């Protein structure tokens, strides 16, 4: 379950593993689309930089990214989150 807290100038966002995996999958899938390489979709280069940093930060935390059954794991994460939200 997603939680957030603030400490001075930092915001800490806590995601479940399923949430992190769904976020990573969305970022990775959309990064592959050519429009992410077109800077016109971003108002400022900082937006693109933040998304790249988030995706890169998630990779070492998600040991399932390189597993053969990754697609099944992602599908389960989608289902788990969907079921929790309903």
PDB file of N, CA and C in Angstrom:
ATOM      1  N   UNK A   1       0.843  -1.172   0.000  1.00  0.00           N
ATOM      2  CA  UNK A   1       0.000   0.000   0.000  1.00  0.00           C
ATOM      3  C   UNK A   1       0.891   1.240   0.000  1.00  0.00           C
ATOM      4  N   UNK A   2       0.533   2.191  -0.814  1.00  0.00           N
ATOM      5  CA  UNK A   2       1.312   3.408  -0.960  1.00  0.00           C
ATOM      6  C   UNK A   2       1.151   4.310   0.260  1.00  0.00           C
ATOM      7  N   UNK A   3       2.282   4.821   0.726  1.00  0.00           N
ATOM      8  CA  UNK A   3       2.291   5.797   1.809  1.00  0.00           C
ATOM      9  C   UNK A   3       3.302   6.872   1.463  1.00  0.00           C
ATOM     10  N   UNK A   4       3.104   8.036   2.011  1.00  0.00           N
ATOM     11  CA  UNK A   4       4.047   9.132   1.789  1.00  0.00           C
ATOM     12  C   UNK A   4       4.191   9.931   3.071  1.00  0.00           C
ATOM     13  N   UNK A   5       5.397  10.432   3.287  1.00  0.00           N
ATOM     14  CA  UNK A   5       5.638  11.334   4.415  1.00  0.00           C
ATOM     15  C   UNK A   5       6.681  12.351   3.983  1.00  0.00           C
ATOM     16  N   UNK A   6       6.713  13.448   4.716  1.00  0.00           N
ATOM     17  CA  UNK A   6       7.637  14.523   4.382  1.00  0.00           C
ATOM     18  C   UNK A   6       8.544  14.794   5.570  1.00  0.00           C
ATOM     19  N   UNK A   7       9.816  14.993   5.261  1.00  0.00           N
ATOM     20  CA  UNK A   7      10.812  15.370   6.255  1.00  0.00           C
ATOM     21  C   UNK A   7      11.610  16.527   5.681  1.00  0.00           C
ATOM     22  N   UNK A   8      11.361  17.696   6.155  1.00  0.00           N
ATOM     23  CA  UNK A   8      11.984  18.925   5.670  1.00  0.00           C
ATOM     24  C   UNK A   8      11.807  19.046   4.160  1.00  0.00           C
ATOM     25  N   UNK A   9      12.867  18.931   3.375  1.00  0.00           N
ATOM     26  CA  UNK A   9      12.775  19.098   1.927  1.00  0.00           C
ATOM     27  C   UNK A   9      12.652  17.778   1.172  1.00  0.00           C
ATOM     28  N   UNK A  10      12.492  16.677   1.875  1.00  0.00           N
ATOM     29  CA  UNK A  10      12.402  15.367   1.235  1.00  0.00           C
ATOM     30  C   UNK A  10      11.029  14.748   1.448  1.00  0.00           C
ATOM     31  N   UNK A  11      10.543  14.099   0.414  1.00  0.00           N
ATOM     32  CA  UNK A  11       9.306  13.324   0.511  1.00  0.00           C
ATOM     33  C   UNK A  11       9.681  11.866   0.317  1.00  0.00           C
ATOM     34  N   UNK A  12       9.262  11.050   1.247  1.00  0.00           N
ATOM     35  CA  UNK A  12       9.522   9.619   1.161  1.00  0.00           C
ATOM     36  C   UNK A  12       8.241   8.929   0.733  1.00  0.00           C
ATOM     37  N   UNK A  13       8.339   8.195  -0.351  1.00  0.00           N
ATOM     38  CA  UNK A  13       7.202   7.470  -0.896  1.00  0.00           C
ATOM     39  C   UNK A  13       7.470   5.981  -0.702  1.00  0.00           C
ATOM     40  N   UNK A  14       6.545   5.304  -0.061  1.00  0.00           N
ATOM     41  CA  UNK A  14       6.679   3.869   0.177  1.00  0.00           C
ATOM     42  C   UNK A  14       5.667   3.139  -0.683  1.00  0.00           C
ATOM     43  N   UNK A  15       6.158   2.181  -1.466  1.00  0.00           N
ATOM     44  CA  UNK A  15       5.315   1.375  -2.338  1.00  0.00           C
ATOM     45  C   UNK A  15       5.443  -0.089  -1.944  1.00  0.00           C
ATOM     46  N   UNK A  16       4.385  -0.834  -2.125  1.00  0.00           N
ATOM     47  CA  UNK A  16       4.505  -2.278  -1.985  1.00  0.00           C
ATOM     48  C   UNK A  16       5.333  -2.774  -3.165  1.00  0.00           C
ATOM     49  N   UNK A  17       5.812  -4.010  -3.076  1.00  0.00           N
ATOM     50  CA  UNK A  17       6.573  -4.566  -4.202  1.00  0.00           C
ATOM     51  C   UNK A  17       5.709  -4.629  -5.451  1.00  0.00           C
ATOM     52  N   UNK A  18       4.441  -4.974  -5.287  1.00  0.00           N
ATOM     53  CA  UNK A  18       3.532  -5.039  -6.431  1.00  0.00           C
ATOM     54  C   UNK A  18       3.365  -3.658  -7.062  1.00  0.00           C
ATOM     55  N   UNK A  19       3.199  -2.635  -6.239  1.00  0.00           N
ATOM     56  CA  UNK A  19       3.052  -1.273  -6.759  1.00  0.00           C
ATOM     57  C   UNK A  19       4.318  -0.830  -7.479  1.00  0.00           C
ATOM     58  N   UNK A  20       5.462  -1.129  -6.908  1.00  0.00           N
ATOM     59  CA  UNK A  20       6.735  -0.762  -7.531  1.00  0.00           C
ATOM     60  C   UNK A  20       6.905  -1.473  -8.866  1.00  0.00           C
ATOM     61  N   UNK A  21       6.495  -2.718  -8.921  1.00  0.00           N
ATOM     62  CA  UNK A  21       6.615  -3.482 -10.153  1.00  0.00           C
ATOM     63  C   UNK A  21       5.690  -2.929 -11.234  1.00  0.00           C
ATOM     64  N   UNK A  22       4.474  -2.586 -10.874  1.00  0.00           N
ATOM     65  CA  UNK A  22       3.541  -2.002 -11.838  1.00  0.00           C
ATOM     66  C   UNK A  22       4.058  -0.646 -12.327  1.00  0.00           C
ATOM     67  N   UNK A  23       4.570   0.165 -11.426  1.00  0.00           N
ATOM     68  CA  UNK A  23       5.136   1.456 -11.819  1.00  0.00           C
ATOM     69  C   UNK A  23       6.325   1.259 -12.747  1.00  0.00           C
ATOM     70  N   UNK A  24       7.226   0.347 -12.378  1.00  0.00           N
ATOM     71  CA  UNK A  24       8.385   0.068 -13.228  1.00  0.00           C
ATOM     72  C   UNK A  24       7.949  -0.406 -14.604  1.00  0.00           C
ATOM     73  N   UNK A  25       6.998  -1.319 -14.656  1.00  0.00           N
ATOM     74  CA  UNK A  25       6.527  -1.852 -15.935  1.00  0.00           C
ATOM     75  C   UNK A  25       5.966  -0.730 -16.802  1.00  0.00           C
ATOM     76  N   UNK A  26       5.185   0.163 -16.206  1.00  0.00           N
ATOM     77  CA  UNK A  26       4.617   1.284 -16.960  1.00  0.00           C
ATOM     78  C   UNK A  26       5.717   2.196 -17.492  1.00  0.00           C
ATOM     79  N   UNK A  27       6.668   2.529 -16.625  1.00  0.00           N
ATOM     80  CA  UNK A  27       7.774   3.398 -17.049  1.00  0.00           C
ATOM     81  C   UNK A  27       8.589   2.737 -18.157  1.00  0.00           C
ATOM     82  N   UNK A  28       8.940   1.471 -17.974  1.00  0.00           N
ATOM     83  CA  UNK A  28       9.756   0.767 -18.965  1.00  0.00           C
ATOM     84  C   UNK A  28       9.014   0.638 -20.291  1.00  0.00           C
ATOM     85  N   UNK A  29       7.745   0.282 -20.225  1.00  0.00           N
ATOM     86  CA  UNK A  29       6.952   0.113 -21.446  1.00  0.00           C
ATOM     87  C   UNK A  29       6.821   1.439 -22.198  1.00  0.00           C
ATOM     88  N   UNK A  30       6.580   2.501 -21.473  1.00  0.00           N
ATOM     89  CA  UNK A  30       6.408   3.799 -22.127  1.00  0.00           C
ATOM     90  C   UNK A  30       7.734   4.404 -22.562  1.00  0.00           C
ATOM     91  N   UNK A  31       8.801   4.028 -21.899  1.00  0.00           N
ATOM     92  CA  UNK A  31      10.117   4.521 -22.310  1.00  0.00           C
ATOM     93  C   UNK A  31      10.481   3.965 -23.681  1.00  0.00           C
ATOM     94  N   UNK A  32      10.033   2.752 -23.963  1.00  0.00           N
ATOM     95  CA  UNK A  32      10.325   2.113 -25.242  1.00  0.00           C
ATOM     96  C   UNK A  32       9.607   2.788 -26.399  1.00  0.00           C
ATOM     97  N   UNK A  33       8.536   3.495 -26.101  1.00  0.00           N
ATOM     98  CA  UNK A  33       7.801   4.185 -27.160  1.00  0.00           C
ATOM     99  C   UNK A  33       8.611   5.381 -27.627  1.00  0.00           C
ATOM    100  N   UNK A  34       8.567   5.643 -28.889  1.00  0.00           N
ATOM    101  CA  UNK A  34       9.400   6.700 -29.462  1.00  0.00           C
ATOM    102  C   UNK A  34       9.055   8.082 -28.924  1.00  0.00           C
ATOM    103  N   UNK A  35       7.824   8.306 -28.475  1.00  0.00           N
ATOM    104  CA  UNK A  35       7.479   9.648 -28.023  1.00  0.00           C
ATOM    105  C   UNK A  35       8.258  10.070 -26.783  1.00  0.00           C
ATOM    106  N   UNK A  36       8.761   9.081 -25.982  1.00  0.00           N
ATOM    107  CA  UNK A  36       9.550   9.473 -24.818  1.00  0.00           C
ATOM    108  C   UNK A  36      10.885  10.058 -25.252  1.00  0.00           C
ATOM    109  N   UNK A  37      11.315   9.720 -26.435  1.00  0.00           N
ATOM    110  CA  UNK A  37      12.559  10.280 -26.951  1.00  0.00           C
ATOM    111  C   UNK A  37      12.338  11.652 -27.565  1.00  0.00           C
ATOM    112  N   UNK A  38      11.091  12.043 -27.700  1.00  0.00           N
ATOM    113  CA  UNK A  38      10.748  13.363 -28.215  1.00  0.00           C
ATOM    114  C   UNK A  38      10.486  14.262 -27.013  1.00  0.00           C
ATOM    115  N   UNK A  39      11.348  15.213 -26.817  1.00  0.00           N
ATOM    116  CA  UNK A  39      11.241  16.055 -25.633  1.00  0.00           C
ATOM    117  C   UNK A  39      10.028  16.979 -25.644  1.00  0.00           C
ATOM    118  N   UNK A  40       9.290  17.020 -26.751  1.00  0.00           N
ATOM    119  CA  UNK A  40       8.104  17.871 -26.832  1.00  0.00           C
ATOM    120  C   UNK A  40       7.009  17.439 -25.861  1.00  0.00           C
ATOM    121  N   UNK A  41       7.007  16.191 -25.405  1.00  0.00           N
ATOM    122  CA  UNK A  41       5.953  15.757 -24.490  1.00  0.00           C
ATOM    123  C   UNK A  41       6.220  16.206 -23.059  1.00  0.00           C
ATOM    124  N   UNK A  42       7.413  16.718 -22.806  1.00  0.00           N
ATOM    125  CA  UNK A  42       7.762  17.213 -21.481  1.00  0.00           C
ATOM    126  C   UNK A  42       7.774  18.730 -21.490  1.00  0.00           C
ATOM    127  N   UNK A  43       7.223  19.315 -20.440  1.00  0.00           N
ATOM    128  CA  UNK A  43       7.242  20.768 -20.324  1.00  0.00           C
ATOM    129  C   UNK A  43       8.656  21.252 -20.018  1.00  0.00           C
ATOM    130  N   UNK A  44       9.387  20.434 -19.258  1.00  0.00           N
ATOM    131  CA  UNK A  44      10.746  20.786 -18.853  1.00  0.00           C
ATOM    132  C   UNK A  44      11.583  19.515 -18.809  1.00  0.00           C
ATOM    133  N   UNK A  45      12.872  19.589 -19.151  1.00  0.00           N
ATOM    134  CA  UNK A  45      13.736  18.407 -19.108  1.00  0.00           C
ATOM    135  C   UNK A  45      13.789  17.734 -17.730  1.00  0.00           C
ATOM    136  N   UNK A  46      13.472  18.462 -16.677  1.00  0.00           N
ATOM    137  CA  UNK A  46      13.478  17.886 -15.326  1.00  0.00           C
ATOM    138  C   UNK A  46      12.428  16.783 -15.196  1.00  0.00           C
ATOM    139  N   UNK A  47      11.306  16.903 -15.905  1.00  0.00           N
ATOM    140  CA  UNK A  47      10.272  15.869 -15.851  1.00  0.00           C
ATOM    141  C   UNK A  47      10.815  14.541 -16.366  1.00  0.00           C
ATOM    142  N   UNK A  48      11.484  14.588 -17.488  1.00  0.00           N
ATOM    143  CA  UNK A  48      12.077  13.390 -18.073  1.00  0.00           C
ATOM    144  C   UNK A  48      13.147  12.825 -17.144  1.00  0.00           C
ATOM    145  N   UNK A  49      13.966  13.697 -16.581  1.00  0.00           N
ATOM    146  CA  UNK A  49      15.045  13.260 -15.685  1.00  0.00           C
ATOM    147  C   UNK A  49      14.497  12.539 -14.459  1.00  0.00           C
ATOM    148  N   UNK A  50      13.412  13.047 -13.890  1.00  0.00           N
ATOM    149  CA  UNK A  50      12.811  12.414 -12.709  1.00  0.00           C
ATOM    150  C   UNK A  50      12.303  11.024 -13.047  1.00  0.00           C
ATOM    151  N   UNK A  51      11.621  10.885 -14.167  1.00  0.00           N
ATOM    152  CA  UNK A  51      11.097   9.575 -14.561  1.00  0.00           C
ATOM    153  C   UNK A  51      12.218   8.576 -14.837  1.00  0.00           C
ATOM    154  N   UNK A  52      13.283   9.027 -15.483  1.00  0.00           N
ATOM    155  CA  UNK A  52      14.441   8.159 -15.729  1.00  0.00           C
ATOM    156  C   UNK A  52      15.061   7.723 -14.406  1.00  0.00           C
ATOM    157  N   UNK A  53      15.202   8.653 -13.467  1.00  0.00           N
ATOM    158  CA  UNK A  53      15.778   8.324 -12.160  1.00  0.00           C
ATOM    159  C   UNK A  53      14.913   7.329 -11.392  1.00  0.00           C
ATOM    160  N   UNK A  54      13.608   7.509 -11.437  1.00  0.00           N
ATOM    161  CA  UNK A  54      12.706   6.582 -10.730  1.00  0.00           C
ATOM    162  C   UNK A  54      12.825   5.189 -11.330  1.00  0.00           C
ATOM    163  N   UNK A  55      12.769   5.105 -12.645  1.00  0.00           N
ATOM    164  CA  UNK A  55      12.890   3.793 -13.291  1.00  0.00           C
ATOM    165  C   UNK A  55      14.219   3.136 -12.942  1.00  0.00           C
ATOM    166  N   UNK A  56      15.299   3.897 -13.022  1.00  0.00           N
ATOM    167  CA  UNK A  56      16.615   3.361 -12.713  1.00  0.00           C
ATOM    168  C   UNK A  56      16.765   2.949 -11.261  1.00  0.00           C
ATOM    169  N   UNK A  57      16.104   3.645 -10.374  1.00  0.00           N
ATOM    170  CA  UNK A  57      16.160   3.308  -8.950  1.00  0.00           C
ATOM    171  C   UNK A  57      15.397   2.032  -8.638  1.00  0.00           C
ATOM    172  N   UNK A  58      14.382   1.741  -9.414  1.00  0.00           N
ATOM    173  CA  UNK A  58      13.568   0.547  -9.161  1.00  0.00           C
ATOM    174  C   UNK A  58      14.246  -0.744  -9.624  1.00  0.00           C
ATOM    175  N   UNK A  59      15.042  -0.676 -10.683  1.00  0.00           N
ATOM    176  CA  UNK A  59      15.639  -1.889 -11.257  1.00  0.00           C
ATOM    177  C   UNK A  59      16.388  -2.734 -10.225  1.00  0.00           C
ATOM    178  N   UNK A  60      17.316  -2.173  -9.452  1.00  0.00           N
ATOM    179  CA  UNK A  60      18.049  -3.032  -8.514  1.00  0.00           C
ATOM    180  C   UNK A  60      17.195  -3.549  -7.352  1.00  0.00           C
ATOM    181  N   UNK A  61      16.056  -2.942  -7.126  1.00  0.00           N
ATOM    182  CA  UNK A  61      15.183  -3.369  -6.037  1.00  0.00           C
ATOM    183  C   UNK A  61      14.230  -4.480  -6.451  1.00  0.00           C
ATOM    184  N   UNK A  62      14.020  -4.617  -7.728  1.00  0.00           N
ATOM    185  CA  UNK A  62      13.060  -5.587  -8.250  1.00  0.00           C
ATOM    186  C   UNK A  62      13.817  -6.763  -8.862  1.00  0.00           C
ATOM    187  N   UNK A  63      14.109  -7.741  -8.058  1.00  0.00           N
ATOM    188  CA  UNK A  63      14.886  -8.888  -8.515  1.00  0.00           C
ATOM    189  C   UNK A  63      14.154  -9.723  -9.557  1.00  0.00           C
ATOM    190  N   UNK A  64      12.877  -9.492  -9.742  1.00  0.00           N
ATOM    191  CA  UNK A  64      12.086 -10.281 -10.691  1.00  0.00           C
ATOM    192  C   UNK A  64      12.200  -9.782 -12.132  1.00  0.00           C
ATOM    193  N   UNK A  65      12.778  -8.617 -12.330  1.00  0.00           N
ATOM    194  CA  UNK A  65      12.813  -7.995 -13.656  1.00  0.00           C
ATOM    195  C   UNK A  65      13.465  -8.910 -14.694  1.00  0.00           C
ATOM    196  N   UNK A  66      14.455  -9.667 -14.301  1.00  0.00           N
ATOM    197  CA  UNK A  66      15.187 -10.484 -15.266  1.00  0.00           C
ATOM    198  C   UNK A  66      14.812 -11.968 -15.191  1.00  0.00           C
ATOM    199  N   UNK A  67      13.737 -12.278 -14.498  1.00  0.00           N
ATOM    200  CA  UNK A  67      13.309 -13.676 -14.398  1.00  0.00           C
ATOM    201  C   UNK A  67      12.540 -14.091 -15.653  1.00  0.00           C
ATOM    202  N   UNK A  68      12.602 -15.373 -15.969  1.00  0.00           N
ATOM    203  CA  UNK A  68      11.910 -15.903 -17.147  1.00  0.00           C
ATOM    204  C   UNK A  68      10.397 -15.761 -17.029  1.00  0.00           C
ATOM    205  N   UNK A  69       9.882 -15.814 -15.801  1.00  0.00           N
ATOM    206  CA  UNK A  69       8.437 -15.720 -15.597  1.00  0.00           C
ATOM    207  C   UNK A  69       7.993 -14.300 -15.226  1.00  0.00           C
ATOM    208  N   UNK A  70       8.769 -13.325 -15.643  1.00  0.00           N
ATOM    209  CA  UNK A  70       8.491 -11.912 -15.332  1.00  0.00           C
ATOM    210  C   UNK A  70       7.068 -11.513 -15.730  1.00  0.00           C
ATOM    211  N   UNK A  71       6.631 -11.911 -16.924  1.00  0.00           N
ATOM    212  CA  UNK A  71       5.298 -11.526 -17.394  1.00  0.00           C
ATOM    213  C   UNK A  71       4.202 -12.019 -16.447  1.00  0.00           C
ATOM    214  N   UNK A  72       4.337 -13.231 -15.952  1.00  0.00           N
ATOM    215  CA  UNK A  72       3.352 -13.788 -15.021  1.00  0.00           C
ATOM    216  C   UNK A  72       3.386 -13.037 -13.686  1.00  0.00           C
ATOM    217  N   UNK A  73       4.572 -12.677 -13.241  1.00  0.00           N
ATOM    218  CA  UNK A  73       4.714 -11.943 -11.980  1.00  0.00           C
ATOM    219  C   UNK A  73       4.078 -10.562 -12.095  1.00  0.00           C
ATOM    220  N   UNK A  74       4.302  -9.904 -13.223  1.00  0.00           N
ATOM    221  CA  UNK A  74       3.709  -8.574 -13.452  1.00  0.00           C
ATOM    222  C   UNK A  74       2.190  -8.684 -13.503  1.00  0.00           C
ATOM    223  N   UNK A  75       1.686  -9.681 -14.195  1.00  0.00           N
ATOM    224  CA  UNK A  75       0.235  -9.860 -14.292  1.00  0.00           C
ATOM    225  C   UNK A  75      -0.374 -10.068 -12.908  1.00  0.00           C
ATOM    226  N   UNK A  76       0.285 -10.843 -12.067  1.00  0.00           N
ATOM    227  CA  UNK A  76      -0.204 -11.046 -10.701  1.00  0.00           C
ATOM    228  C   UNK A  76      -0.188  -9.732  -9.925  1.00  0.00           C
ATOM    229  N   UNK A  77       0.849  -8.931 -10.099  1.00  0.00           N
ATOM    230  CA  UNK A  77       0.917  -7.629  -9.422  1.00  0.00           C
ATOM    231  C   UNK A  77      -0.237  -6.736  -9.862  1.00  0.00           C
ATOM    232  N   UNK A  78      -0.521  -6.719 -11.171  1.00  0.00           N
ATOM    233  CA  UNK A  78      -1.669  -5.954 -11.671  1.00  0.00           C
ATOM    234  C   UNK A  78      -2.961  -6.422 -11.007  1.00  0.00           C
ATOM    235  N   UNK A  79      -3.159  -7.722 -10.983  1.00  0.00           N
ATOM    236  CA  UNK A  79      -4.382  -8.273 -10.405  1.00  0.00           C
ATOM    237  C   UNK A  79      -4.486  -7.965  -8.922  1.00  0.00           C
ATOM    238  N   UNK A  80      -3.393  -8.128  -8.192  1.00  0.00           N
ATOM    239  CA  UNK A  80      -3.410  -7.870  -6.736  1.00  0.00           C
ATOM    240  C   UNK A  80      -3.775  -6.420  -6.440  1.00  0.00           C
ATOM    241  N   UNK A  81      -3.171  -5.498  -7.169  1.00  0.00           N
ATOM    242  CA  UNK A  81      -3.449  -4.080  -6.943  1.00  0.00           C
ATOM    243  C   UNK A  81      -4.884  -3.750  -7.339  1.00  0.00           C
ATOM    244  N   UNK A  82      -5.323  -4.286  -8.449  1.00  0.00           N
ATOM    245  CA  UNK A  82      -6.698  -4.044  -8.891  1.00  0.00           C
ATOM    246  C   UNK A  82      -7.691  -4.548  -7.850  1.00  0.00           C
ATOM    247  N   UNK A  83      -7.457  -5.728  -7.333  1.00  0.00           N
ATOM    248  CA  UNK A  83      -8.365  -6.303  -6.333  1.00  0.00           C
ATOM    249  C   UNK A  83      -8.369  -5.462  -5.053  1.00  0.00           C
ATOM    250  N   UNK A  84      -7.228  -4.924  -4.661  1.00  0.00           N
ATOM    251  CA  UNK A  84      -7.148  -4.096  -3.452  1.00  0.00           C
ATOM    252  C   UNK A  84      -7.868  -2.762  -3.633  1.00  0.00           C
ATOM    253  N   UNK A  85      -7.896  -2.278  -4.868  1.00  0.00           N
ATOM    254  CA  UNK A  85      -8.498  -0.969  -5.101  1.00  0.00           C
ATOM    255  C   UNK A  85     -10.009  -1.038  -5.263  1.00  0.00           C
ATOM    256  N   UNK A  86     -10.540  -2.222  -5.393  1.00  0.00           N
ATOM    257  CA  UNK A  86     -11.997  -2.374  -5.568  1.00  0.00           C
ATOM    258  C   UNK A  86     -12.660  -2.851  -4.311  1.00  0.00           C
TER     259      UNK A  86
END
